[in-house]
Structures are given as C-alpha cells and as structure tokens.
Amino acid sequence: CAHEETGAIVAALTTSIPEHAESGRNWDYRYCWLRDAY
C-alpha cells in the first residue's frame, strides 16, 4: 500500500467498494489519510 516514490501509504488499493449493500457509502481510498499516520 506504499507509494515508495514519495513515501505515501494509501488507505486502500481500491475505490468505491460499498460499506454495505446499496449503501451509497462508496469512497475512493487510494490516497494518503493523515488520520492513519499515528
């Protein structure tokens, strides 16, 4: 999950897998969240 070129670590490798069926809670997690850092 690390993008070694910059050191970033993404929250997940995918986008838009819903939190539950037909929830609309479909998010793109292929970015680096600072809430994960600690």
Full PDB file with SEQRES, HELIX, SHEET, SSBOND, CRYST1, ORIGX, SCALE, CONECT and MASTER records, all heavy atoms in Angstrom:
SEQRES   1 A   38  CYS ALA HIS GLU GLU THR GLY ALA ILE VAL ALA ALA LEU          
SEQRES   2 A   38  THR THR SER ILE PRO GLU HIS ALA GLU SER GLY ARG ASN          
SEQRES   3 A   38  TRP ASP TYR ARG TYR CYS TRP LEU ARG ASP ALA TYR              
HELIX    1 AA1 LEU A   34  ASP A   36  5                                   3    
SHEET    1 AA1 2 ALA A   2  HIS A   3  0                                        
SHEET    2 AA1 2 ALA A   8  ILE A   9 -1                                        
CRYST1    1.000    1.000    1.000  90.00  90.00  90.00 P 1           1          
ORIGX1      1.000000  0.000000  0.000000        0.00000                         
ORIGX2      0.000000  1.000000  0.000000        0.00000                         
ORIGX3      0.000000  0.000000  1.000000        0.00000                         
SCALE1      1.000000  0.000000  0.000000        0.00000                         
SCALE2      0.000000  1.000000  0.000000        0.00000                         
SCALE3      0.000000  0.000000  1.000000        0.00000                         
ATOM      1  N   CYS A   1       0.817  -1.216   0.000  1.00  0.00           N  
ATOM      2  CA  CYS A   1       0.000   0.000   0.000  1.00  0.00           C  
ATOM      3  C   CYS A   1       0.849   1.262   0.000  1.00  0.00           C  
ATOM      4  O   CYS A   1       0.301   2.378   0.035  1.00  0.00           O  
ATOM      5  CB  CYS A   1      -0.946  -0.003   1.202  1.00  0.00           C  
ATOM      6  SG  CYS A   1      -2.267  -1.231   1.100  1.00  0.00           S  
ATOM      7  N   ALA A   2       2.162   1.113  -0.021  1.00  0.00           N  
ATOM      8  CA  ALA A   2       3.064   2.263  -0.045  1.00  0.00           C  
ATOM      9  C   ALA A   2       3.366   2.669  -1.480  1.00  0.00           C  
ATOM     10  O   ALA A   2       3.593   1.821  -2.342  1.00  0.00           O  
ATOM     11  CB  ALA A   2       4.361   1.937   0.682  1.00  0.00           C  
ATOM     12  N   HIS A   3       3.351   3.978  -1.722  1.00  0.00           N  
ATOM     13  CA  HIS A   3       3.834   4.526  -2.985  1.00  0.00           C  
ATOM     14  C   HIS A   3       5.254   5.002  -2.707  1.00  0.00           C  
ATOM     15  O   HIS A   3       5.487   6.114  -2.249  1.00  0.00           O  
ATOM     16  CB  HIS A   3       2.940   5.681  -3.443  1.00  0.00           C  
ATOM     17  CG  HIS A   3       3.317   6.237  -4.785  1.00  0.00           C  
ATOM     18  ND1 HIS A   3       3.133   5.541  -5.951  1.00  0.00           N  
ATOM     19  CD2 HIS A   3       3.883   7.427  -5.129  1.00  0.00           C  
ATOM     20  CE1 HIS A   3       3.550   6.276  -6.968  1.00  0.00           C  
ATOM     21  NE2 HIS A   3       4.020   7.407  -6.492  1.00  0.00           N  
ATOM     22  N   GLU A   4       6.207   4.123  -2.960  1.00  0.00           N  
ATOM     23  CA  GLU A   4       7.562   4.317  -2.456  1.00  0.00           C  
ATOM     24  C   GLU A   4       8.236   5.560  -3.011  1.00  0.00           C  
ATOM     25  O   GLU A   4       9.109   6.145  -2.354  1.00  0.00           O  
ATOM     26  CB  GLU A   4       8.401   3.085  -2.782  1.00  0.00           C  
ATOM     27  CG  GLU A   4       9.723   3.034  -2.058  1.00  0.00           C  
ATOM     28  CD  GLU A   4      10.366   1.670  -2.182  1.00  0.00           C  
ATOM     29  OE1 GLU A   4      10.631   1.242  -3.324  1.00  0.00           O  
ATOM     30  OE2 GLU A   4      10.592   1.029  -1.142  1.00  0.00           O  
ATOM     31  N   GLU A   5       7.854   5.990  -4.194  1.00  0.00           N  
ATOM     32  CA  GLU A   5       8.495   7.155  -4.804  1.00  0.00           C  
ATOM     33  C   GLU A   5       8.421   8.377  -3.892  1.00  0.00           C  
ATOM     34  O   GLU A   5       9.361   9.168  -3.818  1.00  0.00           O  
ATOM     35  CB  GLU A   5       7.839   7.458  -6.142  1.00  0.00           C  
ATOM     36  CG  GLU A   5       8.497   8.612  -6.882  1.00  0.00           C  
ATOM     37  CD  GLU A   5       7.862   8.860  -8.234  1.00  0.00           C  
ATOM     38  OE1 GLU A   5       6.649   9.149  -8.288  1.00  0.00           O  
ATOM     39  OE2 GLU A   5       8.581   8.757  -9.237  1.00  0.00           O  
ATOM     40  N   THR A   6       7.290   8.543  -3.179  1.00  0.00           N  
ATOM     41  CA  THR A   6       7.125   9.703  -2.301  1.00  0.00           C  
ATOM     42  C   THR A   6       7.092   9.341  -0.826  1.00  0.00           C  
ATOM     43  O   THR A   6       7.245  10.213   0.027  1.00  0.00           O  
ATOM     44  CB  THR A   6       5.821  10.443  -2.625  1.00  0.00           C  
ATOM     45  OG1 THR A   6       4.712   9.558  -2.394  1.00  0.00           O  
ATOM     46  CG2 THR A   6       5.804  10.918  -4.069  1.00  0.00           C  
ATOM     47  N   GLY A   7       6.850   8.067  -0.502  1.00  0.00           N  
ATOM     48  CA  GLY A   7       6.715   7.639   0.888  1.00  0.00           C  
ATOM     49  C   GLY A   7       5.287   7.539   1.362  1.00  0.00           C  
ATOM     50  O   GLY A   7       5.031   7.084   2.479  1.00  0.00           O  
ATOM     51  N   ALA A   8       4.320   7.959   0.545  1.00  0.00           N  
ATOM     52  CA  ALA A   8       2.918   7.906   0.947  1.00  0.00           C  
ATOM     53  C   ALA A   8       2.463   6.469   1.144  1.00  0.00           C  
ATOM     54  O   ALA A   8       2.961   5.544   0.496  1.00  0.00           O  
ATOM     55  CB  ALA A   8       2.051   8.583  -0.109  1.00  0.00           C  
ATOM     56  N   ILE A   9       1.498   6.276   2.047  1.00  0.00           N  
ATOM     57  CA  ILE A   9       0.851   4.986   2.238  1.00  0.00           C  
ATOM     58  C   ILE A   9      -0.643   5.209   2.086  1.00  0.00           C  
ATOM     59  O   ILE A   9      -1.237   6.018   2.811  1.00  0.00           O  
ATOM     60  CB  ILE A   9       1.176   4.379   3.614  1.00  0.00           C  
ATOM     61  CG1 ILE A   9       2.695   4.129   3.729  1.00  0.00           C  
ATOM     62  CG2 ILE A   9       0.403   3.090   3.845  1.00  0.00           C  
ATOM     63  CD1 ILE A   9       3.139   3.627   5.087  1.00  0.00           C  
ATOM     64  N   VAL A  10      -1.262   4.525   1.137  1.00  0.00           N  
ATOM     65  CA  VAL A  10      -2.669   4.767   0.842  1.00  0.00           C  
ATOM     66  C   VAL A  10      -3.557   4.003   1.821  1.00  0.00           C  
ATOM     67  O   VAL A  10      -3.141   3.004   2.422  1.00  0.00           O  
ATOM     68  CB  VAL A  10      -3.022   4.384  -0.603  1.00  0.00           C  
ATOM     69  CG1 VAL A  10      -2.217   5.233  -1.585  1.00  0.00           C  
ATOM     70  CG2 VAL A  10      -2.796   2.900  -0.872  1.00  0.00           C  
ATOM     71  N   ALA A  11      -4.806   4.474   1.960  1.00  0.00           N  
ATOM     72  CA  ALA A  11      -5.745   3.830   2.875  1.00  0.00           C  
ATOM     73  C   ALA A  11      -6.202   2.475   2.358  1.00  0.00           C  
ATOM     74  O   ALA A  11      -6.554   1.595   3.146  1.00  0.00           O  
ATOM     75  CB  ALA A  11      -6.952   4.744   3.113  1.00  0.00           C  
ATOM     76  N   ALA A  12      -6.230   2.289   1.051  1.00  0.00           N  
ATOM     77  CA  ALA A  12      -6.590   1.004   0.436  1.00  0.00           C  
ATOM     78  C   ALA A  12      -6.195   1.057  -1.027  1.00  0.00           C  
ATOM     79  O   ALA A  12      -5.925   2.132  -1.577  1.00  0.00           O  
ATOM     80  CB  ALA A  12      -8.085   0.711   0.585  1.00  0.00           C  
ATOM     81  N   LEU A  13      -6.204  -0.096  -1.677  1.00  0.00           N  
ATOM     82  CA  LEU A  13      -5.840  -0.166  -3.089  1.00  0.00           C  
ATOM     83  C   LEU A  13      -7.036   0.067  -4.011  1.00  0.00           C  
ATOM     84  O   LEU A  13      -6.856   0.137  -5.231  1.00  0.00           O  
ATOM     85  CB  LEU A  13      -5.221  -1.538  -3.404  1.00  0.00           C  
ATOM     86  CG  LEU A  13      -3.897  -1.858  -2.704  1.00  0.00           C  
ATOM     87  CD1 LEU A  13      -3.430  -3.265  -3.081  1.00  0.00           C  
ATOM     88  CD2 LEU A  13      -2.819  -0.832  -3.036  1.00  0.00           C  
ATOM     89  N   THR A  14      -8.239   0.179  -3.451  1.00  0.00           N  
ATOM     90  CA  THR A  14      -9.441   0.248  -4.276  1.00  0.00           C  
ATOM     91  C   THR A  14     -10.245   1.510  -4.015  1.00  0.00           C  
ATOM     92  O   THR A  14     -10.000   2.250  -3.059  1.00  0.00           O  
ATOM     93  CB  THR A  14     -10.355  -0.956  -4.009  1.00  0.00           C  
ATOM     94  OG1 THR A  14     -10.724  -0.957  -2.620  1.00  0.00           O  
ATOM     95  CG2 THR A  14      -9.674  -2.260  -4.360  1.00  0.00           C  
ATOM     96  N   THR A  15     -11.221   1.711  -4.869  1.00  0.00           N  
ATOM     97  CA  THR A  15     -12.229   2.756  -4.675  1.00  0.00           C  
ATOM     98  C   THR A  15     -13.607   2.132  -4.764  1.00  0.00           C  
ATOM     99  O   THR A  15     -13.816   1.133  -5.458  1.00  0.00           O  
ATOM    100  CB  THR A  15     -12.111   3.867  -5.738  1.00  0.00           C  
ATOM    101  OG1 THR A  15     -13.175   4.808  -5.544  1.00  0.00           O  
ATOM    102  CG2 THR A  15     -12.224   3.330  -7.152  1.00  0.00           C  
ATOM    103  N   SER A  16     -14.542   2.713  -4.019  1.00  0.00           N  
ATOM    104  CA  SER A  16     -15.983   2.505  -4.225  1.00  0.00           C  
ATOM    105  C   SER A  16     -16.500   1.116  -3.919  1.00  0.00           C  
ATOM    106  O   SER A  16     -17.577   0.744  -4.391  1.00  0.00           O  
ATOM    107  CB  SER A  16     -16.366   2.892  -5.663  1.00  0.00           C  
ATOM    108  OG  SER A  16     -16.022   4.237  -5.920  1.00  0.00           O  
ATOM    109  N   ILE A  17     -15.785   0.329  -3.099  1.00  0.00           N  
ATOM    110  CA  ILE A  17     -16.399  -0.879  -2.555  1.00  0.00           C  
ATOM    111  C   ILE A  17     -17.314  -0.411  -1.425  1.00  0.00           C  
ATOM    112  O   ILE A  17     -16.851   0.185  -0.464  1.00  0.00           O  
ATOM    113  CB  ILE A  17     -15.360  -1.871  -2.014  1.00  0.00           C  
ATOM    114  CG1 ILE A  17     -14.265  -2.143  -3.050  1.00  0.00           C  
ATOM    115  CG2 ILE A  17     -16.045  -3.158  -1.587  1.00  0.00           C  
ATOM    116  CD1 ILE A  17     -14.745  -2.790  -4.313  1.00  0.00           C  
ATOM    117  N   PRO A  18     -18.624  -0.627  -1.508  1.00  0.00           N  
ATOM    118  CA  PRO A  18     -19.542  -0.030  -0.526  1.00  0.00           C  
ATOM    119  C   PRO A  18     -19.358  -0.583   0.877  1.00  0.00           C  
ATOM    120  O   PRO A  18     -18.914  -1.726   1.061  1.00  0.00           O  
ATOM    121  CB  PRO A  18     -20.933  -0.376  -1.084  1.00  0.00           C  
ATOM    122  CG  PRO A  18     -20.710  -1.549  -1.976  1.00  0.00           C  
ATOM    123  CD  PRO A  18     -19.335  -1.396  -2.542  1.00  0.00           C  
ATOM    124  N   GLU A  19     -19.724   0.236   1.856  1.00  0.00           N  
ATOM    125  CA  GLU A  19     -19.633  -0.187   3.249  1.00  0.00           C  
ATOM    126  C   GLU A  19     -20.679  -1.242   3.585  1.00  0.00           C  
ATOM    127  O   GLU A  19     -20.514  -2.010   4.538  1.00  0.00           O  
ATOM    128  CB  GLU A  19     -19.772   1.018   4.180  1.00  0.00           C  
ATOM    129  CG  GLU A  19     -18.608   1.998   4.071  1.00  0.00           C  
ATOM    130  CD  GLU A  19     -18.735   3.160   5.033  1.00  0.00           C  
ATOM    131  OE1 GLU A  19     -19.563   3.080   5.973  1.00  0.00           O  
ATOM    132  OE2 GLU A  19     -18.019   4.161   4.856  1.00  0.00           O  
ATOM    133  N   HIS A  20     -21.774  -1.256   2.872  1.00  0.00           N  
ATOM    134  CA  HIS A  20     -22.747  -2.340   2.941  1.00  0.00           C  
ATOM    135  C   HIS A  20     -23.611  -2.267   1.695  1.00  0.00           C  
ATOM    136  O   HIS A  20     -23.523  -1.313   0.918  1.00  0.00           O  
ATOM    137  CB  HIS A  20     -23.593  -2.299   4.228  1.00  0.00           C  
ATOM    138  CG  HIS A  20     -24.364  -1.028   4.441  1.00  0.00           C  
ATOM    139  ND1 HIS A  20     -25.578  -0.784   3.837  1.00  0.00           N  
ATOM    140  CD2 HIS A  20     -24.103   0.059   5.205  1.00  0.00           C  
ATOM    141  CE1 HIS A  20     -26.028   0.404   4.222  1.00  0.00           C  
ATOM    142  NE2 HIS A  20     -25.157   0.940   5.047  1.00  0.00           N  
ATOM    143  N   ALA A  21     -24.435  -3.260   1.476  1.00  0.00           N  
ATOM    144  CA  ALA A  21     -25.188  -3.386   0.228  1.00  0.00           C  
ATOM    145  C   ALA A  21     -26.064  -2.158  -0.012  1.00  0.00           C  
ATOM    146  O   ALA A  21     -26.804  -1.721   0.889  1.00  0.00           O  
ATOM    147  CB  ALA A  21     -26.047  -4.648   0.255  1.00  0.00           C  
ATOM    148  N   GLU A  22     -25.943  -1.615  -1.237  1.00  0.00           N  
ATOM    149  CA  GLU A  22     -26.771  -0.490  -1.687  1.00  0.00           C  
ATOM    150  C   GLU A  22     -26.722   0.692  -0.724  1.00  0.00           C  
ATOM    151  O   GLU A  22     -27.704   1.391  -0.522  1.00  0.00           O  
ATOM    152  CB  GLU A  22     -28.233  -0.946  -1.864  1.00  0.00           C  
ATOM    153  CG  GLU A  22     -28.424  -2.146  -2.776  1.00  0.00           C  
ATOM    154  CD  GLU A  22     -28.035  -1.867  -4.226  1.00  0.00           C  
ATOM    155  OE1 GLU A  22     -27.724  -0.717  -4.559  1.00  0.00           O  
ATOM    156  OE2 GLU A  22     -28.047  -2.835  -5.020  1.00  0.00           O  
ATOM    157  N   SER A  23     -25.561   0.933  -0.121  1.00  0.00           N  
ATOM    158  CA  SER A  23     -25.464   1.969   0.911  1.00  0.00           C  
ATOM    159  C   SER A  23     -25.192   3.351   0.357  1.00  0.00           C  
ATOM    160  O   SER A  23     -25.476   4.353   1.013  1.00  0.00           O  
ATOM    161  CB  SER A  23     -24.342   1.606   1.896  1.00  0.00           C  
ATOM    162  OG  SER A  23     -23.081   1.637   1.243  1.00  0.00           O  
ATOM    163  N   GLY A  24     -24.598   3.435  -0.840  1.00  0.00           N  
ATOM    164  CA  GLY A  24     -24.127   4.718  -1.336  1.00  0.00           C  
ATOM    165  C   GLY A  24     -22.869   5.191  -0.662  1.00  0.00           C  
ATOM    166  O   GLY A  24     -22.286   6.215  -1.051  1.00  0.00           O  
ATOM    167  N   ARG A  25     -22.413   4.473   0.349  1.00  0.00           N  
ATOM    168  CA  ARG A  25     -21.166   4.820   1.066  1.00  0.00           C  
ATOM    169  C   ARG A  25     -19.993   4.219   0.299  1.00  0.00           C  
ATOM    170  O   ARG A  25     -19.359   3.260   0.739  1.00  0.00           O  
ATOM    171  CB  ARG A  25     -21.200   4.277   2.491  1.00  0.00           C  
ATOM    172  CG  ARG A  25     -22.361   4.755   3.351  1.00  0.00           C  
ATOM    173  CD  ARG A  25     -22.390   3.951   4.648  1.00  0.00           C  
ATOM    174  NE  ARG A  25     -23.544   4.199   5.460  1.00  0.00           N  
ATOM    175  CZ  ARG A  25     -23.612   5.031   6.495  1.00  0.00           C  
ATOM    176  NH1 ARG A  25     -22.533   5.727   6.825  1.00  0.00           N  
ATOM    177  NH2 ARG A  25     -24.716   5.178   7.191  1.00  0.00           N  
ATOM    178  N   ASN A  26     -19.746   4.759  -0.858  1.00  0.00           N  
ATOM    179  CA  ASN A  26     -18.722   4.244  -1.765  1.00  0.00           C  
ATOM    180  C   ASN A  26     -17.652   5.316  -1.917  1.00  0.00           C  
ATOM    181  O   ASN A  26     -17.900   6.341  -2.568  1.00  0.00           O  
ATOM    182  CB  ASN A  26     -19.319   3.951  -3.148  1.00  0.00           C  
ATOM    183  CG  ASN A  26     -20.455   2.949  -3.125  1.00  0.00           C  
ATOM    184  OD1 ASN A  26     -21.009   2.629  -2.080  1.00  0.00           O  
ATOM    185  ND2 ASN A  26     -20.820   2.451  -4.285  1.00  0.00           N  
ATOM    186  N   TRP A  27     -16.489   5.087  -1.347  1.00  0.00           N  
ATOM    187  CA  TRP A  27     -15.470   6.139  -1.302  1.00  0.00           C  
ATOM    188  C   TRP A  27     -14.203   5.687  -2.010  1.00  0.00           C  
ATOM    189  O   TRP A  27     -13.885   4.501  -2.081  1.00  0.00           O  
ATOM    190  CB  TRP A  27     -15.155   6.501   0.155  1.00  0.00           C  
ATOM    191  CG  TRP A  27     -16.361   6.636   1.018  1.00  0.00           C  
ATOM    192  CD1 TRP A  27     -16.677   5.891   2.131  1.00  0.00           C  
ATOM    193  CD2 TRP A  27     -17.447   7.554   0.859  1.00  0.00           C  
ATOM    194  NE1 TRP A  27     -17.866   6.294   2.654  1.00  0.00           N  
ATOM    195  CE2 TRP A  27     -18.376   7.320   1.899  1.00  0.00           C  
ATOM    196  CE3 TRP A  27     -17.734   8.555  -0.073  1.00  0.00           C  
ATOM    197  CZ2 TRP A  27     -19.553   8.034   2.038  1.00  0.00           C  
ATOM    198  CZ3 TRP A  27     -18.911   9.276   0.054  1.00  0.00           C  
ATOM    199  CH2 TRP A  27     -19.798   9.014   1.098  1.00  0.00           C  
ATOM    200  N   ASP A  28     -13.452   6.666  -2.478  1.00  0.00           N  
ATOM    201  CA  ASP A  28     -12.162   6.410  -3.116  1.00  0.00           C  
ATOM    202  C   ASP A  28     -11.083   6.497  -2.043  1.00  0.00           C  
ATOM    203  O   ASP A  28     -10.816   7.566  -1.488  1.00  0.00           O  
ATOM    204  CB  ASP A  28     -11.916   7.446  -4.224  1.00  0.00           C  
ATOM    205  CG  ASP A  28     -10.735   7.076  -5.113  1.00  0.00           C  
ATOM    206  OD1 ASP A  28      -9.979   6.169  -4.751  1.00  0.00           O  
ATOM    207  OD2 ASP A  28     -10.586   7.711  -6.183  1.00  0.00           O  
ATOM    208  N   TYR A  29     -10.446   5.366  -1.733  1.00  0.00           N  
ATOM    209  CA  TYR A  29      -9.465   5.295  -0.652  1.00  0.00           C  
ATOM    210  C   TYR A  29      -8.031   5.178  -1.160  1.00  0.00           C  
ATOM    211  O   TYR A  29      -7.132   4.830  -0.399  1.00  0.00           O  
ATOM    212  CB  TYR A  29      -9.769   4.090   0.246  1.00  0.00           C  
ATOM    213  CG  TYR A  29     -10.788   4.373   1.331  1.00  0.00           C  
ATOM    214  CD1 TYR A  29     -11.542   5.538   1.335  1.00  0.00           C  
ATOM    215  CD2 TYR A  29     -11.000   3.466   2.352  1.00  0.00           C  
ATOM    216  CE1 TYR A  29     -12.467   5.785   2.320  1.00  0.00           C  
ATOM    217  CE2 TYR A  29     -11.926   3.704   3.357  1.00  0.00           C  
ATOM    218  CZ  TYR A  29     -12.657   4.869   3.333  1.00  0.00           C  
ATOM    219  OH  TYR A  29     -13.576   5.111   4.316  1.00  0.00           O  
ATOM    220  N   ARG A  30      -7.778   5.525  -2.402  1.00  0.00           N  
ATOM    221  CA  ARG A  30      -6.440   5.352  -2.973  1.00  0.00           C  
ATOM    222  C   ARG A  30      -5.560   6.576  -2.725  1.00  0.00           C  
ATOM    223  O   ARG A  30      -4.745   6.950  -3.564  1.00  0.00           O  
ATOM    224  CB  ARG A  30      -6.560   5.062  -4.469  1.00  0.00           C  
ATOM    225  CG  ARG A  30      -7.390   3.811  -4.796  1.00  0.00           C  
ATOM    226  CD  ARG A  30      -7.731   3.724  -6.264  1.00  0.00           C  
ATOM    227  NE  ARG A  30      -8.406   4.930  -6.707  1.00  0.00           N  
ATOM    228  CZ  ARG A  30      -8.298   5.441  -7.939  1.00  0.00           C  
ATOM    229  NH1 ARG A  30      -7.521   4.861  -8.832  1.00  0.00           N  
ATOM    230  NH2 ARG A  30      -8.957   6.526  -8.260  1.00  0.00           N  
ATOM    231  N   TYR A  31      -5.712   7.167  -1.539  1.00  0.00           N  
ATOM    232  CA  TYR A  31      -4.975   8.373  -1.169  1.00  0.00           C  
ATOM    233  C   TYR A  31      -4.394   8.188   0.226  1.00  0.00           C  
ATOM    234  O   TYR A  31      -4.654   7.186   0.900  1.00  0.00           O  
ATOM    235  CB  TYR A  31      -5.896   9.593  -1.225  1.00  0.00           C  
ATOM    236  CG  TYR A  31      -6.622   9.713  -2.545  1.00  0.00           C  
ATOM    237  CD1 TYR A  31      -8.001   9.525  -2.634  1.00  0.00           C  
ATOM    238  CD2 TYR A  31      -5.923   9.967  -3.727  1.00  0.00           C  
ATOM    239  CE1 TYR A  31      -8.665   9.597  -3.847  1.00  0.00           C  
ATOM    240  CE2 TYR A  31      -6.578  10.034  -4.948  1.00  0.00           C  
ATOM    241  CZ  TYR A  31      -7.950   9.851  -5.002  1.00  0.00           C  
ATOM    242  OH  TYR A  31      -8.588   9.905  -6.211  1.00  0.00           O  
ATOM    243  N   CYS A  32      -3.625   9.155   0.654  1.00  0.00           N  
ATOM    244  CA  CYS A  32      -2.944   9.075   1.948  1.00  0.00           C  
ATOM    245  C   CYS A  32      -3.694   9.904   2.978  1.00  0.00           C  
ATOM    246  O   CYS A  32      -3.720  11.140   2.888  1.00  0.00           O  
ATOM    247  CB  CYS A  32      -1.500   9.568   1.814  1.00  0.00           C  
ATOM    248  SG  CYS A  32      -0.516   9.328   3.304  1.00  0.00           S  
ATOM    249  N   TRP A  33      -4.321   9.230   3.931  1.00  0.00           N  
ATOM    250  CA  TRP A  33      -5.072   9.893   5.004  1.00  0.00           C  
ATOM    251  C   TRP A  33      -4.153  10.151   6.188  1.00  0.00           C  
ATOM    252  O   TRP A  33      -3.506   9.227   6.695  1.00  0.00           O  
ATOM    253  CB  TRP A  33      -6.227   9.018   5.463  1.00  0.00           C  
ATOM    254  CG  TRP A  33      -7.550   9.385   4.892  1.00  0.00           C  
ATOM    255  CD1 TRP A  33      -8.530  10.129   5.487  1.00  0.00           C  
ATOM    256  CD2 TRP A  33      -8.066   9.026   3.602  1.00  0.00           C  
ATOM    257  NE1 TRP A  33      -9.620  10.254   4.638  1.00  0.00           N  
ATOM    258  CE2 TRP A  33      -9.359   9.580   3.485  1.00  0.00           C  
ATOM    259  CE3 TRP A  33      -7.553   8.296   2.534  1.00  0.00           C  
ATOM    260  CZ2 TRP A  33     -10.140   9.427   2.349  1.00  0.00           C  
ATOM    261  CZ3 TRP A  33      -8.319   8.129   1.403  1.00  0.00           C  
ATOM    262  CH2 TRP A  33      -9.596   8.694   1.318  1.00  0.00           C  
ATOM    263  N   LEU A  34      -4.152  11.381   6.673  1.00  0.00           N  
ATOM    264  CA  LEU A  34      -3.319  11.689   7.825  1.00  0.00           C  
ATOM    265  C   LEU A  34      -3.885  11.095   9.108  1.00  0.00           C  
ATOM    266  O   LEU A  34      -3.147  10.897  10.075  1.00  0.00           O  
ATOM    267  CB  LEU A  34      -3.154  13.205   7.960  1.00  0.00           C  
ATOM    268  CG  LEU A  34      -2.422  13.874   6.793  1.00  0.00           C  
ATOM    269  CD1 LEU A  34      -2.122  15.318   7.128  1.00  0.00           C  
ATOM    270  CD2 LEU A  34      -1.142  13.145   6.434  1.00  0.00           C  
ATOM    271  N   ARG A  35      -5.196  10.782   9.138  1.00  0.00           N  
ATOM    272  CA  ARG A  35      -5.754  10.152  10.342  1.00  0.00           C  
ATOM    273  C   ARG A  35      -5.150   8.764  10.562  1.00  0.00           C  
ATOM    274  O   ARG A  35      -5.239   8.210  11.659  1.00  0.00           O  
ATOM    275  CB  ARG A  35      -7.279  10.032  10.215  1.00  0.00           C  
ATOM    276  CG  ARG A  35      -7.727   8.993   9.203  1.00  0.00           C  
ATOM    277  CD  ARG A  35      -9.230   8.878   9.108  1.00  0.00           C  
ATOM    278  NE  ARG A  35      -9.601   7.813   8.181  1.00  0.00           N  
ATOM    279  CZ  ARG A  35     -10.836   7.595   7.750  1.00  0.00           C  
ATOM    280  NH1 ARG A  35     -11.807   8.388   8.146  1.00  0.00           N  
ATOM    281  NH2 ARG A  35     -11.106   6.617   6.923  1.00  0.00           N  
ATOM    282  N   ASP A  36      -4.555   8.180   9.513  1.00  0.00           N  
ATOM    283  CA  ASP A  36      -3.913   6.872   9.632  1.00  0.00           C  
ATOM    284  C   ASP A  36      -2.512   6.971  10.218  1.00  0.00           C  
ATOM    285  O   ASP A  36      -1.953   5.956  10.651  1.00  0.00           O  
ATOM    286  CB  ASP A  36      -3.785   6.207   8.255  1.00  0.00           C  
ATOM    287  CG  ASP A  36      -5.120   5.959   7.570  1.00  0.00           C  
ATOM    288  OD1 ASP A  36      -6.163   6.311   8.146  1.00  0.00           O  
ATOM    289  OD2 ASP A  36      -5.108   5.437   6.444  1.00  0.00           O  
ATOM    290  N   ALA A  37      -1.930   8.179  10.214  1.00  0.00           N  
ATOM    291  CA  ALA A  37      -0.481   8.312  10.397  1.00  0.00           C  
ATOM    292  C   ALA A  37       0.013   7.719  11.706  1.00  0.00           C  
ATOM    293  O   ALA A  37       0.971   6.927  11.725  1.00  0.00           O  
ATOM    294  CB  ALA A  37      -0.084   9.784  10.301  1.00  0.00           C  
ATOM    295  N   TYR A  38      -0.606   8.080  12.819  1.00  0.00           N  
ATOM    296  CA  TYR A  38      -0.146   7.616  14.124  1.00  0.00           C  
ATOM    297  C   TYR A  38      -0.170   6.094  14.203  1.00  0.00           C  
ATOM    298  O   TYR A  38       0.765   5.457  14.710  1.00  0.00           O  
ATOM    299  CB  TYR A  38      -1.021   8.242  15.201  1.00  0.00           C  
ATOM    300  CG  TYR A  38      -0.850   7.667  16.582  1.00  0.00           C  
ATOM    301  CD1 TYR A  38       0.391   7.667  17.212  1.00  0.00           C  
ATOM    302  CD2 TYR A  38      -1.939   7.129  17.267  1.00  0.00           C  
ATOM    303  CE1 TYR A  38       0.537   7.147  18.487  1.00  0.00           C  
ATOM    304  CE2 TYR A  38      -1.801   6.618  18.541  1.00  0.00           C  
ATOM    305  CZ  TYR A  38      -0.562   6.618  19.146  1.00  0.00           C  
ATOM    306  OH  TYR A  38      -0.415   6.099  20.412  1.00  0.00           O  
TER     307      TYR A  38                                                      
MASTER        0    0    0    1    2    0    0    6  306    1    0    3          
END                                                                             
